[in-house]
């Protein structure tokens, strides 16, 4: 008896920046990681019809977690619509960046110090 099962998790991201939806596009249960990986390309192709940039992986879980259950949870396609909206050309886009708490100083600045 197989003691491990798998959950496929598919996440959608905006193609122009680094933001991804907090809620996965899909979460699907499988009886083994082999069946999960065998379905991966088909599920990715399906997800790409709803969002342009998607990531997916099969995550091993205890078989007891999915025993006797079939899990298939899909996101509402309306939530994905915002990811497919492209920024207008010439429009105003607010840049976002994080500043490091400690800015590294290049070593060559200190090569003359003895």
N, C-alpha and C. Protein backbone atom coordinates (compact mmCIF):
# COMPACT_ATOMS: atom_id res chain seq x y z
N UNK A 1 0.85 -1.19 0.00
CA UNK A 1 0.00 0.00 0.00
C UNK A 1 0.89 1.24 0.00
N UNK A 2 0.51 2.19 -0.81
CA UNK A 2 1.26 3.43 -0.93
C UNK A 2 0.94 4.33 0.27
N UNK A 3 1.98 4.81 0.95
CA UNK A 3 1.76 5.66 2.11
C UNK A 3 1.79 7.15 1.77
N UNK A 4 2.06 7.47 0.51
CA UNK A 4 2.11 8.87 0.09
C UNK A 4 1.13 9.11 -1.06
N UNK A 5 0.52 10.25 -1.02
CA UNK A 5 -0.34 10.72 -2.10
C UNK A 5 0.26 12.05 -2.56
N UNK A 6 -0.45 12.78 -3.41
CA UNK A 6 0.06 14.07 -3.87
C UNK A 6 -1.07 15.04 -4.13
N UNK A 7 -0.76 16.31 -3.93
CA UNK A 7 -1.66 17.40 -4.30
C UNK A 7 -0.98 18.22 -5.37
N UNK A 8 -1.68 18.47 -6.47
CA UNK A 8 -1.16 19.37 -7.49
C UNK A 8 -1.66 20.77 -7.14
N UNK A 9 -0.75 21.70 -7.10
CA UNK A 9 -1.09 23.09 -6.80
C UNK A 9 -0.67 23.93 -8.00
N UNK A 10 -1.62 24.70 -8.56
CA UNK A 10 -1.34 25.55 -9.71
C UNK A 10 -1.58 27.00 -9.29
N UNK A 11 -0.58 27.85 -9.51
CA UNK A 11 -0.63 29.27 -9.13
C UNK A 11 -0.51 30.12 -10.39
N UNK A 12 -1.27 31.20 -10.45
CA UNK A 12 -1.23 32.12 -11.59
C UNK A 12 -0.58 33.43 -11.17
N UNK A 13 0.21 34.00 -12.09
CA UNK A 13 0.92 35.25 -11.82
C UNK A 13 0.69 36.23 -12.96
N UNK A 14 0.87 37.50 -12.67
CA UNK A 14 0.74 38.54 -13.69
C UNK A 14 1.96 38.48 -14.60
N UNK A 15 1.78 38.54 -15.92
CA UNK A 15 2.93 38.43 -16.83
C UNK A 15 3.87 39.62 -16.83
N UNK A 16 3.46 40.77 -16.29
CA UNK A 16 4.30 41.96 -16.36
C UNK A 16 5.02 42.28 -15.06
N UNK A 17 4.65 41.66 -13.98
CA UNK A 17 5.33 41.94 -12.72
C UNK A 17 5.41 40.67 -11.89
N UNK A 18 5.82 40.80 -10.68
CA UNK A 18 6.09 39.62 -9.85
C UNK A 18 4.93 39.27 -8.92
N UNK A 19 3.74 39.80 -9.17
CA UNK A 19 2.64 39.50 -8.28
C UNK A 19 1.92 38.23 -8.72
N UNK A 20 1.62 37.39 -7.78
CA UNK A 20 0.86 36.17 -8.03
C UNK A 20 -0.36 36.19 -7.12
N UNK A 21 -1.40 35.50 -7.55
CA UNK A 21 -2.59 35.41 -6.73
C UNK A 21 -2.31 34.60 -5.47
N UNK A 22 -2.85 35.05 -4.36
CA UNK A 22 -2.67 34.31 -3.11
C UNK A 22 -3.43 32.99 -3.15
N UNK A 23 -4.56 32.97 -3.82
CA UNK A 23 -5.37 31.77 -3.92
C UNK A 23 -4.92 30.96 -5.15
N UNK A 24 -4.64 29.68 -4.99
CA UNK A 24 -4.23 28.88 -6.15
C UNK A 24 -5.33 28.79 -7.20
N UNK A 25 -4.94 28.63 -8.44
CA UNK A 25 -5.90 28.42 -9.53
C UNK A 25 -6.61 27.09 -9.31
N UNK A 26 -5.84 26.06 -8.97
CA UNK A 26 -6.40 24.74 -8.72
C UNK A 26 -5.61 24.00 -7.65
N UNK A 27 -6.31 23.18 -6.92
CA UNK A 27 -5.70 22.20 -6.02
C UNK A 27 -6.41 20.89 -6.30
N UNK A 28 -5.64 19.86 -6.71
CA UNK A 28 -6.21 18.59 -7.14
C UNK A 28 -5.49 17.46 -6.40
N UNK A 29 -6.25 16.51 -5.90
CA UNK A 29 -5.65 15.38 -5.19
C UNK A 29 -5.41 14.21 -6.13
N UNK A 30 -4.35 13.46 -5.84
CA UNK A 30 -3.99 12.25 -6.59
C UNK A 30 -3.59 11.17 -5.60
N UNK A 31 -3.78 9.92 -5.98
CA UNK A 31 -3.45 8.80 -5.11
C UNK A 31 -1.95 8.55 -5.00
N UNK A 32 -1.17 9.07 -5.97
CA UNK A 32 0.28 8.92 -5.91
C UNK A 32 0.93 10.09 -6.64
N UNK A 33 2.22 10.29 -6.36
CA UNK A 33 2.91 11.37 -7.05
C UNK A 33 3.09 11.05 -8.53
N UNK A 34 3.15 9.75 -8.89
CA UNK A 34 3.29 9.38 -10.30
C UNK A 34 2.06 9.82 -11.11
N UNK A 35 0.87 9.60 -10.56
CA UNK A 35 -0.34 10.01 -11.28
C UNK A 35 -0.45 11.54 -11.33
N UNK A 36 0.04 12.19 -10.31
CA UNK A 36 0.02 13.65 -10.30
C UNK A 36 0.92 14.20 -11.40
N UNK A 37 2.17 13.71 -11.46
CA UNK A 37 3.09 14.18 -12.49
C UNK A 37 2.62 13.82 -13.89
N UNK A 38 1.92 12.68 -14.03
CA UNK A 38 1.40 12.29 -15.34
C UNK A 38 0.32 13.26 -15.81
N UNK A 39 -0.41 13.88 -14.89
CA UNK A 39 -1.48 14.82 -15.24
C UNK A 39 -1.02 16.27 -15.32
N UNK A 40 0.21 16.52 -14.94
CA UNK A 40 0.71 17.89 -14.80
C UNK A 40 0.61 18.70 -16.10
N UNK A 41 1.07 18.15 -17.21
CA UNK A 41 1.07 18.93 -18.46
C UNK A 41 -0.35 19.24 -18.93
N UNK A 42 -1.28 18.30 -18.75
CA UNK A 42 -2.67 18.53 -19.16
C UNK A 42 -3.30 19.63 -18.31
N UNK A 43 -3.06 19.60 -17.01
CA UNK A 43 -3.64 20.61 -16.11
C UNK A 43 -3.00 21.98 -16.34
N UNK A 44 -1.70 22.01 -16.64
CA UNK A 44 -1.05 23.29 -16.96
C UNK A 44 -1.64 23.89 -18.23
N UNK A 45 -1.86 23.06 -19.24
CA UNK A 45 -2.45 23.55 -20.49
C UNK A 45 -3.85 24.12 -20.23
N UNK A 46 -4.61 23.46 -19.39
CA UNK A 46 -5.95 23.93 -19.05
C UNK A 46 -5.87 25.27 -18.31
N UNK A 47 -4.94 25.39 -17.37
CA UNK A 47 -4.80 26.62 -16.59
C UNK A 47 -4.34 27.78 -17.46
N UNK A 48 -3.50 27.48 -18.47
CA UNK A 48 -3.01 28.55 -19.35
C UNK A 48 -4.10 29.14 -20.23
N UNK A 49 -5.23 28.49 -20.34
CA UNK A 49 -6.35 29.09 -21.06
C UNK A 49 -7.01 30.18 -20.23
N UNK A 50 -6.74 30.17 -18.90
CA UNK A 50 -7.33 31.17 -18.00
C UNK A 50 -6.35 32.26 -17.61
N UNK A 51 -5.06 31.95 -17.58
CA UNK A 51 -4.03 32.92 -17.21
C UNK A 51 -2.79 32.62 -18.03
N UNK A 52 -2.06 33.67 -18.40
CA UNK A 52 -0.91 33.49 -19.28
C UNK A 52 0.30 32.90 -18.58
N UNK A 53 0.50 33.22 -17.31
CA UNK A 53 1.67 32.75 -16.59
C UNK A 53 1.23 31.93 -15.39
N UNK A 54 1.48 30.62 -15.46
CA UNK A 54 1.09 29.73 -14.38
C UNK A 54 2.27 28.84 -13.98
N UNK A 55 2.28 28.48 -12.73
CA UNK A 55 3.28 27.56 -12.19
C UNK A 55 2.52 26.43 -11.51
N UNK A 56 3.09 25.23 -11.57
CA UNK A 56 2.44 24.09 -10.94
C UNK A 56 3.48 23.12 -10.41
N UNK A 57 3.09 22.37 -9.39
CA UNK A 57 3.94 21.32 -8.87
C UNK A 57 3.08 20.31 -8.15
N UNK A 58 3.62 19.11 -8.01
CA UNK A 58 2.98 18.05 -7.26
C UNK A 58 3.66 17.97 -5.91
N UNK A 59 2.87 18.10 -4.86
CA UNK A 59 3.40 18.13 -3.51
C UNK A 59 3.02 16.82 -2.81
N UNK A 60 4.01 16.04 -2.37
CA UNK A 60 3.68 14.80 -1.67
C UNK A 60 3.02 15.08 -0.32
N UNK A 61 1.98 14.31 -0.02
CA UNK A 61 1.27 14.43 1.25
C UNK A 61 1.00 13.03 1.79
N UNK A 62 0.65 12.93 3.04
CA UNK A 62 0.28 11.65 3.63
C UNK A 62 -0.98 11.14 2.94
N UNK A 63 -1.00 9.85 2.61
CA UNK A 63 -2.16 9.26 1.95
C UNK A 63 -3.41 9.36 2.82
N UNK A 64 -3.23 9.42 4.13
CA UNK A 64 -4.37 9.56 5.04
C UNK A 64 -5.11 10.88 4.83
N UNK A 65 -4.39 11.88 4.36
CA UNK A 65 -4.99 13.19 4.14
C UNK A 65 -6.06 13.16 3.04
N UNK A 66 -5.84 12.35 2.01
CA UNK A 66 -6.78 12.30 0.88
C UNK A 66 -7.52 10.98 0.78
N UNK A 67 -7.35 10.09 1.75
CA UNK A 67 -8.00 8.77 1.70
C UNK A 67 -9.52 8.91 1.60
N UNK A 68 -10.07 8.29 0.57
CA UNK A 68 -11.52 8.30 0.38
C UNK A 68 -12.08 9.62 -0.10
N UNK A 69 -11.22 10.57 -0.46
CA UNK A 69 -11.67 11.89 -0.91
C UNK A 69 -11.15 12.17 -2.31
N UNK A 70 -11.89 12.95 -3.04
CA UNK A 70 -11.41 13.48 -4.30
C UNK A 70 -11.45 15.00 -4.16
N UNK A 71 -10.30 15.60 -4.21
CA UNK A 71 -10.21 17.06 -4.04
C UNK A 71 -9.98 17.68 -5.41
N UNK A 72 -10.84 18.59 -5.77
CA UNK A 72 -10.66 19.39 -6.98
C UNK A 72 -11.26 20.74 -6.66
N UNK A 73 -10.40 21.69 -6.37
CA UNK A 73 -10.85 23.02 -6.03
C UNK A 73 -10.28 23.98 -7.06
N UNK A 74 -11.15 24.68 -7.79
CA UNK A 74 -10.73 25.62 -8.83
C UNK A 74 -11.12 27.03 -8.44
N UNK A 75 -10.28 27.97 -8.81
CA UNK A 75 -10.55 29.38 -8.55
C UNK A 75 -11.63 29.90 -9.49
N UNK A 76 -12.36 30.89 -9.05
CA UNK A 76 -13.35 31.54 -9.90
C UNK A 76 -12.62 32.26 -11.03
N UNK A 77 -12.94 31.97 -12.30
CA UNK A 77 -12.23 32.61 -13.42
C UNK A 77 -12.25 34.13 -13.40
N UNK A 78 -13.26 34.73 -12.75
CA UNK A 78 -13.33 36.19 -12.67
C UNK A 78 -12.14 36.74 -11.88
N UNK A 79 -11.63 35.98 -10.91
CA UNK A 79 -10.47 36.43 -10.14
C UNK A 79 -9.20 36.44 -10.99
N UNK A 80 -9.17 35.62 -12.02
CA UNK A 80 -8.01 35.57 -12.90
C UNK A 80 -8.00 36.70 -13.93
N UNK A 81 -9.14 37.32 -14.16
CA UNK A 81 -9.25 38.35 -15.19
C UNK A 81 -8.28 39.51 -14.97
N UNK A 82 -8.06 39.88 -13.72
CA UNK A 82 -7.15 41.00 -13.41
C UNK A 82 -5.73 40.69 -13.83
N UNK A 83 -5.34 39.41 -13.85
CA UNK A 83 -3.97 39.06 -14.25
C UNK A 83 -3.74 39.25 -15.73
N UNK A 84 -4.78 39.16 -16.52
CA UNK A 84 -4.63 39.25 -17.97
C UNK A 84 -4.74 40.68 -18.50
N UNK A 85 -5.02 41.64 -17.63
CA UNK A 85 -5.10 43.04 -18.04
C UNK A 85 -3.69 43.58 -18.12
N UNK A 86 -3.31 44.05 -19.29
CA UNK A 86 -1.97 44.59 -19.51
C UNK A 86 -1.98 46.09 -19.19
N UNK A 87 -0.87 46.59 -18.72
CA UNK A 87 -0.75 48.03 -18.45
C UNK A 87 -0.82 48.78 -19.78
N UNK A 88 -1.51 49.90 -19.82
CA UNK A 88 -1.62 50.67 -21.06
C UNK A 88 -0.27 51.22 -21.49
N UNK A 89 -0.01 51.19 -22.78
CA UNK A 89 1.25 51.73 -23.32
C UNK A 89 1.25 53.24 -23.11
N UNK A 90 2.32 53.73 -22.51
CA UNK A 90 2.42 55.16 -22.24
C UNK A 90 1.64 55.57 -21.01
N UNK A 91 0.98 54.61 -20.38
CA UNK A 91 0.20 54.92 -19.19
C UNK A 91 1.09 55.04 -17.97
N UNK A 92 0.49 55.43 -16.90
CA UNK A 92 1.23 55.60 -15.66
C UNK A 92 1.28 54.27 -14.91
N UNK A 93 2.48 53.80 -14.65
CA UNK A 93 2.66 52.58 -13.89
C UNK A 93 3.53 52.92 -12.69
N UNK A 94 3.05 52.61 -11.51
CA UNK A 94 3.79 52.90 -10.30
C UNK A 94 4.84 51.81 -10.07
N UNK A 95 6.10 52.22 -10.02
CA UNK A 95 7.18 51.26 -9.79
C UNK A 95 7.20 50.88 -8.32
N UNK A 96 7.50 49.62 -8.07
CA UNK A 96 7.59 49.15 -6.70
C UNK A 96 8.93 48.47 -6.51
N UNK A 97 9.59 48.80 -5.43
CA UNK A 97 10.88 48.18 -5.13
C UNK A 97 11.04 48.14 -3.63
N UNK A 98 11.80 47.17 -3.19
CA UNK A 98 12.11 47.07 -1.77
C UNK A 98 13.55 47.47 -1.56
N UNK A 99 13.78 48.31 -0.57
CA UNK A 99 15.14 48.70 -0.24
C UNK A 99 15.69 47.74 0.79
N UNK A 100 16.91 47.27 0.59
CA UNK A 100 17.48 46.38 1.60
C UNK A 100 17.71 47.15 2.89
N UNK A 101 17.65 46.46 4.01
CA UNK A 101 17.86 47.14 5.29
C UNK A 101 19.33 47.50 5.47
N UNK A 102 20.24 46.74 4.85
CA UNK A 102 21.67 47.04 4.90
C UNK A 102 22.19 47.00 3.47
N UNK A 103 22.64 48.12 2.98
CA UNK A 103 23.14 48.19 1.62
C UNK A 103 24.56 47.63 1.57
N UNK A 104 24.81 46.61 0.76
CA UNK A 104 26.16 46.04 0.70
C UNK A 104 27.13 47.02 0.03
N UNK A 105 28.34 47.09 0.55
CA UNK A 105 29.37 47.96 0.00
C UNK A 105 30.34 47.10 -0.80
N UNK A 106 30.60 47.45 -2.06
CA UNK A 106 31.52 46.64 -2.87
C UNK A 106 32.91 46.59 -2.25
N UNK A 107 33.53 45.42 -2.31
CA UNK A 107 34.83 45.20 -1.72
C UNK A 107 35.91 46.10 -2.33
N UNK A 108 35.79 46.41 -3.62
CA UNK A 108 36.83 47.23 -4.25
C UNK A 108 36.90 48.64 -3.66
N UNK A 109 35.89 49.10 -2.98
CA UNK A 109 35.95 50.41 -2.32
C UNK A 109 36.98 50.41 -1.20
N UNK A 110 37.27 49.27 -0.64
CA UNK A 110 38.14 49.19 0.51
C UNK A 110 39.52 48.61 0.18
N UNK A 111 39.83 48.43 -1.08
CA UNK A 111 41.12 47.81 -1.42
C UNK A 111 42.32 48.68 -1.10
N UNK A 112 42.13 50.01 -1.02
CA UNK A 112 43.24 50.89 -0.70
C UNK A 112 43.44 51.08 0.80
N UNK A 113 42.49 50.59 1.58
CA UNK A 113 42.61 50.74 3.03
C UNK A 113 43.53 49.64 3.55
N UNK A 114 44.52 50.03 4.36
CA UNK A 114 45.47 49.05 4.91
C UNK A 114 45.43 49.03 6.40
